[in-house]
């Protein structure tokens, strides 16, 4: 069930667009932040509100890699392995995260706290190797920095819902 606050936010977002269907992506992102993934209920609600068929919402989801149809960990690690990050150790950082978390690509830890995904590009080439955890960017990564970040995240109770968008962090 979607919260009343999210439903109100949907109304405000839709009102900003001349064509309701243009609000699909932001609505899905807000819903994913609340629910943890894009559920069938979310698809139906978004489709109804923007006056399209549910399949049209599913088509949008299939295009955007940042939209997920299954639950993610509370802390979703996206490690870039595109060319700049690859040349500066991105693949090794991904493998280190995989070993440290005990999961592979697109998997979630049994306790639901962490998930891991290899991604093509985060647009943080100058700070390669880079990764994004929820909406926060981490750059110039090393295994020691990953260990520090994991320690901080294990100690925190924060979840996807209370993370800021697009904060760049060079040190965990």
C-alpha atoms as a PDB file:
ATOM      1  CA  UNK A   1       0.000   0.000   0.000  1.00  0.00           C
ATOM      2  CA  UNK A   2       1.306   3.455  -0.902  1.00  0.00           C
ATOM      3  CA  UNK A   3       1.404   6.095   1.808  1.00  0.00           C
ATOM      4  CA  UNK A   4      -0.848   9.129   1.734  1.00  0.00           C
ATOM      5  CA  UNK A   5       2.279  11.315   1.541  1.00  0.00           C
ATOM      6  CA  UNK A   6       3.389   9.511  -1.620  1.00  0.00           C
ATOM      7  CA  UNK A   7      -0.059   9.816  -3.175  1.00  0.00           C
ATOM      8  CA  UNK A   8      -0.009  13.571  -2.489  1.00  0.00           C
ATOM      9  CA  UNK A   9       3.448  13.806  -4.003  1.00  0.00           C
ATOM     10  CA  UNK A  10       2.169  11.990  -7.103  1.00  0.00           C
ATOM     11  CA  UNK A  11      -0.539  14.642  -7.509  1.00  0.00           C
ATOM     12  CA  UNK A  12       1.967  17.507  -7.195  1.00  0.00           C
ATOM     13  CA  UNK A  13       4.383  15.932  -9.682  1.00  0.00           C
ATOM     14  CA  UNK A  14       1.705  15.182 -12.275  1.00  0.00           C
ATOM     15  CA  UNK A  15       0.432  18.767 -12.039  1.00  0.00           C
ATOM     16  CA  UNK A  16       3.837  20.055 -13.202  1.00  0.00           C
ATOM     17  CA  UNK A  17       3.692  18.264 -16.558  1.00  0.00           C
ATOM     18  CA  UNK A  18       1.590  19.327 -19.558  1.00  0.00           C
ATOM     19  CA  UNK A  19       1.241  15.642 -20.518  1.00  0.00           C
ATOM     20  CA  UNK A  20       0.515  13.347 -17.573  1.00  0.00           C
ATOM     21  CA  UNK A  21       2.498  10.458 -19.083  1.00  0.00           C
ATOM     22  CA  UNK A  22       5.654  12.597 -18.836  1.00  0.00           C
ATOM     23  CA  UNK A  23       5.526  12.063 -15.062  1.00  0.00           C
ATOM     24  CA  UNK A  24       5.982   8.265 -15.271  1.00  0.00           C
ATOM     25  CA  UNK A  25       9.716   8.169 -14.449  1.00  0.00           C
ATOM     26  CA  UNK A  26       9.623  10.549 -11.457  1.00  0.00           C
ATOM     27  CA  UNK A  27       6.556   8.779 -10.057  1.00  0.00           C
ATOM     28  CA  UNK A  28       8.271   5.407 -10.361  1.00  0.00           C
ATOM     29  CA  UNK A  29      11.426   6.703  -8.682  1.00  0.00           C
ATOM     30  CA  UNK A  30       9.487   8.182  -5.754  1.00  0.00           C
ATOM     31  CA  UNK A  31       7.476   4.979  -5.376  1.00  0.00           C
ATOM     32  CA  UNK A  32      10.609   2.842  -5.558  1.00  0.00           C
ATOM     33  CA  UNK A  33      12.185   4.929  -2.807  1.00  0.00           C
ATOM     34  CA  UNK A  34       9.175   4.291  -0.573  1.00  0.00           C
ATOM     35  CA  UNK A  35       8.402   0.667  -1.413  1.00  0.00           C
ATOM     36  CA  UNK A  36      11.955  -0.497  -2.192  1.00  0.00           C
ATOM     37  CA  UNK A  37      11.148  -1.625  -5.731  1.00  0.00           C
ATOM     38  CA  UNK A  38       8.506  -1.163  -8.429  1.00  0.00           C
ATOM     39  CA  UNK A  39       5.711  -3.548  -7.492  1.00  0.00           C
ATOM     40  CA  UNK A  40       2.690  -4.531  -9.563  1.00  0.00           C
ATOM     41  CA  UNK A  41       0.631  -2.259  -7.306  1.00  0.00           C
ATOM     42  CA  UNK A  42       2.921   0.678  -8.118  1.00  0.00           C
ATOM     43  CA  UNK A  43       2.658  -0.019 -11.846  1.00  0.00           C
ATOM     44  CA  UNK A  44      -1.138  -0.079 -11.683  1.00  0.00           C
ATOM     45  CA  UNK A  45      -1.286   3.094  -9.565  1.00  0.00           C
ATOM     46  CA  UNK A  46       1.068   5.037 -11.846  1.00  0.00           C
ATOM     47  CA  UNK A  47      -0.749   3.855 -14.984  1.00  0.00           C
ATOM     48  CA  UNK A  48      -4.119   4.895 -13.544  1.00  0.00           C
ATOM     49  CA  UNK A  49      -2.854   8.320 -12.488  1.00  0.00           C
ATOM     50  CA  UNK A  50      -1.170   9.179 -15.801  1.00  0.00           C
ATOM     51  CA  UNK A  51      -3.962   7.583 -17.844  1.00  0.00           C
ATOM     52  CA  UNK A  52      -1.975   4.935 -19.725  1.00  0.00           C
ATOM     53  CA  UNK A  53      -2.162   1.146 -19.836  1.00  0.00           C
ATOM     54  CA  UNK A  54      -0.009  -0.710 -17.282  1.00  0.00           C
ATOM     55  CA  UNK A  55       2.056  -2.247 -20.106  1.00  0.00           C
ATOM     56  CA  UNK A  56       3.214   1.256 -21.053  1.00  0.00           C
ATOM     57  CA  UNK A  57       4.584   1.740 -17.535  1.00  0.00           C
ATOM     58  CA  UNK A  58       6.283  -1.677 -17.716  1.00  0.00           C
ATOM     59  CA  UNK A  59       7.920  -0.624 -20.998  1.00  0.00           C
ATOM     60  CA  UNK A  60       9.367   2.466 -19.298  1.00  0.00           C
ATOM     61  CA  UNK A  61      10.680   0.330 -16.424  1.00  0.00           C
ATOM     62  CA  UNK A  62      12.396  -2.040 -18.832  1.00  0.00           C
ATOM     63  CA  UNK A  63      14.263   0.866 -20.435  1.00  0.00           C
ATOM     64  CA  UNK A  64      15.701   2.455 -17.281  1.00  0.00           C
ATOM     65  CA  UNK A  65      18.303   0.447 -15.344  1.00  0.00           C
ATOM     66  CA  UNK A  66      17.708   2.452 -12.164  1.00  0.00           C
ATOM     67  CA  UNK A  67      14.172   1.069 -11.851  1.00  0.00           C
ATOM     68  CA  UNK A  68      13.929  -2.364 -10.241  1.00  0.00           C
ATOM     69  CA  UNK A  69      11.120  -4.915 -10.249  1.00  0.00           C
ATOM     70  CA  UNK A  70      12.439  -6.823  -7.243  1.00  0.00           C
ATOM     71  CA  UNK A  71      13.346  -5.663  -3.746  1.00  0.00           C
ATOM     72  CA  UNK A  72      16.826  -4.209  -3.299  1.00  0.00           C
ATOM     73  CA  UNK A  73      18.902  -4.091  -0.174  1.00  0.00           C
ATOM     74  CA  UNK A  74      18.500  -1.107   2.107  1.00  0.00           C
ATOM     75  CA  UNK A  75      21.972  -0.096   0.859  1.00  0.00           C
ATOM     76  CA  UNK A  76      22.173  -0.725  -2.888  1.00  0.00           C
ATOM     77  CA  UNK A  77      25.765  -0.751  -4.172  1.00  0.00           C
ATOM     78  CA  UNK A  78      26.158   0.100  -7.860  1.00  0.00           C
ATOM     79  CA  UNK A  79      29.778  -0.304  -8.932  1.00  0.00           C
ATOM     80  CA  UNK A  80      30.843   1.194 -12.249  1.00  0.00           C
ATOM     81  CA  UNK A  81      32.953  -1.026 -14.514  1.00  0.00           C
ATOM     82  CA  UNK A  82      32.833   1.149 -17.632  1.00  0.00           C
ATOM     83  CA  UNK A  83      36.090   2.177 -19.305  1.00  0.00           C
ATOM     84  CA  UNK A  84      37.369   4.930 -16.956  1.00  0.00           C
ATOM     85  CA  UNK A  85      36.529   2.961 -13.836  1.00  0.00           C
ATOM     86  CA  UNK A  86      37.741  -0.275 -15.414  1.00  0.00           C
ATOM     87  CA  UNK A  87      41.140   1.240 -16.176  1.00  0.00           C
ATOM     88  CA  UNK A  88      41.460   2.460 -12.575  1.00  0.00           C
ATOM     89  CA  UNK A  89      40.386  -0.752 -10.842  1.00  0.00           C
ATOM     90  CA  UNK A  90      36.587  -0.794 -11.114  1.00  0.00           C
ATOM     91  CA  UNK A  91      36.434  -4.522 -11.772  1.00  0.00           C
ATOM     92  CA  UNK A  92      38.602  -5.211  -8.718  1.00  0.00           C
ATOM     93  CA  UNK A  93      36.378  -2.928  -6.623  1.00  0.00           C
ATOM     94  CA  UNK A  94      33.295  -4.819  -7.823  1.00  0.00           C
ATOM     95  CA  UNK A  95      34.925  -8.156  -6.964  1.00  0.00           C
ATOM     96  CA  UNK A  96      35.994  -6.814  -3.566  1.00  0.00           C
ATOM     97  CA  UNK A  97      32.427  -5.650  -2.828  1.00  0.00           C
ATOM     98  CA  UNK A  98      31.108  -9.034  -3.942  1.00  0.00           C
ATOM     99  CA  UNK A  99      33.416 -10.858  -1.533  1.00  0.00           C
ATOM    100  CA  UNK A 100      32.810  -8.379   1.312  1.00  0.00           C
ATOM    101  CA  UNK A 101      29.026  -8.582   0.955  1.00  0.00           C
ATOM    102  CA  UNK A 102      28.895 -12.273   0.088  1.00  0.00           C
ATOM    103  CA  UNK A 103      26.656 -11.702  -2.945  1.00  0.00           C
ATOM    104  CA  UNK A 104      27.052 -11.522  -6.706  1.00  0.00           C
ATOM    105  CA  UNK A 105      25.724  -9.154  -9.342  1.00  0.00           C
ATOM    106  CA  UNK A 106      22.056  -8.236  -8.843  1.00  0.00           C
ATOM    107  CA  UNK A 107      21.847 -10.163  -5.579  1.00  0.00           C
ATOM    108  CA  UNK A 108      20.794  -9.130  -2.074  1.00  0.00           C
ATOM    109  CA  UNK A 109      22.192 -10.276   1.252  1.00  0.00           C
ATOM    110  CA  UNK A 110      19.891 -12.657   3.178  1.00  0.00           C
ATOM    111  CA  UNK A 111      19.182  -9.968   5.807  1.00  0.00           C
ATOM    112  CA  UNK A 112      18.081  -7.498   3.082  1.00  0.00           C
ATOM    113  CA  UNK A 113      20.579  -4.838   4.172  1.00  0.00           C
ATOM    114  CA  UNK A 114      22.837  -4.833   1.095  1.00  0.00           C
ATOM    115  CA  UNK A 115      22.513  -5.488  -2.622  1.00  0.00           C
ATOM    116  CA  UNK A 116      25.123  -5.284  -5.354  1.00  0.00           C
ATOM    117  CA  UNK A 117      24.937  -4.386  -9.033  1.00  0.00           C
ATOM    118  CA  UNK A 118      27.565  -3.866 -11.706  1.00  0.00           C
ATOM    119  CA  UNK A 119      26.640  -0.808 -13.788  1.00  0.00           C
ATOM    120  CA  UNK A 120      27.938   0.672 -17.010  1.00  0.00           C
ATOM    121  CA  UNK A 121      28.431   4.327 -16.116  1.00  0.00           C
ATOM    122  CA  UNK A 122      27.730   6.650 -13.223  1.00  0.00           C
ATOM    123  CA  UNK A 123      29.098   9.782 -14.881  1.00  0.00           C
ATOM    124  CA  UNK A 124      31.846  10.037 -12.272  1.00  0.00           C
ATOM    125  CA  UNK A 125      34.810   9.306 -14.548  1.00  0.00           C
ATOM    126  CA  UNK A 126      37.096  11.913 -12.947  1.00  0.00           C
ATOM    127  CA  UNK A 127      36.780  10.101  -9.623  1.00  0.00           C
ATOM    128  CA  UNK A 128      37.209   6.570 -10.969  1.00  0.00           C
ATOM    129  CA  UNK A 129      36.808   3.964  -9.701  1.00  0.00           C
ATOM    130  CA  UNK A 130      33.391   5.035  -8.492  1.00  0.00           C
ATOM    131  CA  UNK A 131      30.191   3.588  -7.123  1.00  0.00           C
ATOM    132  CA  UNK A 132      26.827   4.790  -6.002  1.00  0.00           C
ATOM    133  CA  UNK A 133      25.142   3.621  -2.802  1.00  0.00           C
ATOM    134  CA  UNK A 134      21.491   4.544  -3.053  1.00  0.00           C
ATOM    135  CA  UNK A 135      21.815   8.176  -4.204  1.00  0.00           C
ATOM    136  CA  UNK A 136      25.282   8.915  -2.818  1.00  0.00           C
ATOM    137  CA  UNK A 137      28.421   8.744  -4.959  1.00  0.00           C
ATOM    138  CA  UNK A 138      31.760   7.389  -3.712  1.00  0.00           C
ATOM    139  CA  UNK A 139      34.870   8.036  -5.761  1.00  0.00           C
ATOM    140  CA  UNK A 140      38.575   7.130  -5.874  1.00  0.00           C
ATOM    141  CA  UNK A 141      37.706   3.840  -4.237  1.00  0.00           C
ATOM    142  CA  UNK A 142      40.089   1.392  -2.608  1.00  0.00           C
ATOM    143  CA  UNK A 143      39.389  -1.766  -0.602  1.00  0.00           C
ATOM    144  CA  UNK A 144      40.140   0.209   2.598  1.00  0.00           C
ATOM    145  CA  UNK A 145      37.536   2.839   1.652  1.00  0.00           C
ATOM    146  CA  UNK A 146      34.990   0.073   0.951  1.00  0.00           C
ATOM    147  CA  UNK A 147      35.696  -1.422   4.385  1.00  0.00           C
ATOM    148  CA  UNK A 148      35.170   1.977   6.038  1.00  0.00           C
ATOM    149  CA  UNK A 149      31.952   2.558   4.144  1.00  0.00           C
ATOM    150  CA  UNK A 150      30.623  -0.888   5.070  1.00  0.00           C
ATOM    151  CA  UNK A 151      31.427  -0.276   8.705  1.00  0.00           C
ATOM    152  CA  UNK A 152      29.567   3.076   8.637  1.00  0.00           C
ATOM    153  CA  UNK A 153      26.549   1.561   6.870  1.00  0.00           C
ATOM    154  CA  UNK A 154      26.372  -1.422   9.209  1.00  0.00           C
ATOM    155  CA  UNK A 155      26.273   0.987  12.146  1.00  0.00           C
ATOM    156  CA  UNK A 156      23.618   3.248  10.597  1.00  0.00           C
ATOM    157  CA  UNK A 157      19.912   2.655  10.545  1.00  0.00           C
ATOM    158  CA  UNK A 158      19.331   4.772   7.467  1.00  0.00           C
ATOM    159  CA  UNK A 159      17.432   3.442   4.510  1.00  0.00           C
ATOM    160  CA  UNK A 160      16.714   4.466   0.951  1.00  0.00           C
ATOM    161  CA  UNK A 161      13.889   6.769   2.014  1.00  0.00           C
ATOM    162  CA  UNK A 162      16.052   9.195   3.977  1.00  0.00           C
ATOM    163  CA  UNK A 163      19.049   9.475   1.627  1.00  0.00           C
ATOM    164  CA  UNK A 164      19.878  12.738  -0.167  1.00  0.00           C
ATOM    165  CA  UNK A 165      19.990  12.787  -3.969  1.00  0.00           C
ATOM    166  CA  UNK A 166      23.327  13.038  -5.726  1.00  0.00           C
ATOM    167  CA  UNK A 167      25.719  13.729  -2.862  1.00  0.00           C
ATOM    168  CA  UNK A 168      29.335  13.078  -3.890  1.00  0.00           C
ATOM    169  CA  UNK A 169      31.552  11.604  -1.234  1.00  0.00           C
ATOM    170  CA  UNK A 170      35.268  11.057  -1.759  1.00  0.00           C
ATOM    171  CA  UNK A 171      35.893   9.522   1.650  1.00  0.00           C
ATOM    172  CA  UNK A 172      33.511   7.128   3.428  1.00  0.00           C
END
